[in-house]
């Protein structure tokens, strides 16, 4: 079962968008409020384990590029495990994480639809 709440801010002074992804593991339920819940579920099933519960390893080298002020906080449960993940666009590694989970984060750089 998946039950995730996504809180997204496009900038520090912007309003907050809130989405939800709920699934019995096969398909999104009616409680899902993302623009494309099927794509979000597919991304979560494919990458969720690695994104939400990364394994320790050597430090990553990340490009020092800034992708924008957006911040998304994902909380809830993923197959019985508690999730509390923060997504930003502050460097190349974080931008990559954001793009990987874009369908879960409103499928854009922000909720407004801008990419």
Protein backbone atom coordinates (compact mmCIF):
# COMPACT_ATOMS: atom_id res chain seq x y z
CA UNK A 1 0.00 0.00 0.00
CA UNK A 2 1.12 3.53 -0.76
CA UNK A 3 -0.23 6.64 0.93
CA UNK A 4 1.89 9.72 0.30
CA UNK A 5 1.21 13.41 0.81
CA UNK A 6 3.24 15.86 -1.26
CA UNK A 7 3.55 19.49 -0.12
CA UNK A 8 5.13 21.72 -2.76
CA UNK A 9 6.29 25.34 -2.69
CA UNK A 10 7.54 26.95 -5.87
CA UNK A 11 9.34 29.68 -3.89
CA UNK A 12 9.75 30.55 -0.20
CA UNK A 13 7.01 33.21 -0.34
CA UNK A 14 4.61 31.27 -2.62
CA UNK A 15 1.55 29.38 -1.50
CA UNK A 16 1.75 25.68 -0.88
CA UNK A 17 0.27 23.05 -3.19
CA UNK A 18 -0.74 19.74 -1.67
CA UNK A 19 -1.19 16.49 -3.55
CA UNK A 20 -1.86 12.95 -2.47
CA UNK A 21 -1.06 9.55 -3.94
CA UNK A 22 -2.98 6.59 -2.56
CA UNK A 23 -2.73 3.10 -3.99
CA UNK A 24 -3.49 -0.48 -3.09
CA UNK A 25 -0.27 -1.37 -4.93
CA UNK A 26 -1.84 -1.99 -8.32
CA UNK A 27 -3.48 1.28 -9.32
CA UNK A 28 -4.10 4.70 -7.81
CA UNK A 29 -7.28 5.05 -5.76
CA UNK A 30 -9.88 7.78 -5.99
CA UNK A 31 -8.16 9.61 -3.10
CA UNK A 32 -5.21 10.49 -5.34
CA UNK A 33 -5.10 14.17 -6.32
CA UNK A 34 -1.97 14.38 -8.50
CA UNK A 35 -2.33 15.56 -12.10
CA UNK A 36 -1.32 12.07 -13.35
CA UNK A 37 -1.61 9.56 -10.49
CA UNK A 38 -0.82 6.56 -12.72
CA UNK A 39 2.51 8.10 -13.80
CA UNK A 40 3.26 9.04 -10.18
CA UNK A 41 2.57 5.49 -9.03
CA UNK A 42 4.79 4.09 -11.78
CA UNK A 43 7.66 6.40 -10.72
CA UNK A 44 7.21 5.55 -7.05
CA UNK A 45 7.11 1.81 -7.71
CA UNK A 46 10.19 1.99 -9.94
CA UNK A 47 12.39 4.40 -7.94
CA UNK A 48 10.77 4.77 -4.51
CA UNK A 49 12.96 2.29 -2.64
CA UNK A 50 16.19 3.96 -3.79
CA UNK A 51 14.90 7.54 -3.49
CA UNK A 52 13.11 7.25 -0.14
CA UNK A 53 15.55 4.83 1.52
CA UNK A 54 18.99 5.41 -0.03
CA UNK A 55 21.75 3.04 0.97
CA UNK A 56 24.86 4.58 2.54
CA UNK A 57 27.76 4.97 0.21
CA UNK A 58 30.61 7.24 -0.70
CA UNK A 59 29.86 10.95 -0.98
CA UNK A 60 28.41 12.01 -4.33
CA UNK A 61 29.99 14.63 -6.50
CA UNK A 62 27.24 16.99 -7.65
CA UNK A 63 27.40 19.77 -10.20
CA UNK A 64 27.03 23.15 -8.58
CA UNK A 65 24.12 24.35 -10.66
CA UNK A 66 20.99 25.91 -9.28
CA UNK A 67 17.68 24.62 -10.62
CA UNK A 68 15.30 26.88 -8.73
CA UNK A 69 13.78 27.56 -5.32
CA UNK A 70 11.18 24.77 -5.40
CA UNK A 71 10.89 22.51 -2.37
CA UNK A 72 8.68 19.44 -2.05
CA UNK A 73 8.17 17.44 1.13
CA UNK A 74 6.84 13.90 0.77
CA UNK A 75 5.47 12.13 3.84
CA UNK A 76 3.41 9.01 4.41
CA UNK A 77 3.94 5.30 3.84
CA UNK A 78 5.51 3.27 1.06
CA UNK A 79 4.79 -0.47 1.37
CA UNK A 80 4.53 -0.23 5.15
CA UNK A 81 7.62 1.93 5.66
CA UNK A 82 7.43 5.53 6.88
CA UNK A 83 8.53 8.14 4.34
CA UNK A 84 9.78 11.63 5.04
CA UNK A 85 11.70 12.95 2.05
CA UNK A 86 12.62 16.46 0.97
CA UNK A 87 13.19 17.32 -2.69
CA UNK A 88 14.95 20.51 -3.80
CA UNK A 89 16.67 21.79 -6.92
CA UNK A 90 19.79 23.24 -5.27
CA UNK A 91 22.43 21.23 -7.15
CA UNK A 92 22.83 18.68 -9.91
CA UNK A 93 22.14 15.66 -7.67
CA UNK A 94 18.97 17.18 -6.25
CA UNK A 95 17.77 18.23 -9.72
CA UNK A 96 18.26 14.62 -10.85
CA UNK A 97 16.22 13.30 -7.88
CA UNK A 98 13.50 15.84 -8.69
CA UNK A 99 13.35 14.81 -12.36
CA UNK A 100 13.24 11.12 -11.43
CA UNK A 101 10.20 11.68 -9.23
CA UNK A 102 8.61 14.50 -11.29
CA UNK A 103 5.25 12.73 -11.69
CA UNK A 104 4.99 12.49 -7.90
CA UNK A 105 5.91 16.17 -7.52
CA UNK A 106 3.20 17.48 -9.82
CA UNK A 107 5.05 16.50 -13.04
CA UNK A 108 6.89 19.79 -13.47
CA UNK A 109 9.49 22.03 -11.90
CA UNK A 110 6.57 23.34 -9.92
CA UNK A 111 2.85 22.76 -9.69
CA UNK A 112 2.00 25.55 -12.12
CA UNK A 113 2.96 23.39 -15.08
CA UNK A 114 6.17 25.21 -15.99
CA UNK A 115 9.01 22.84 -16.87
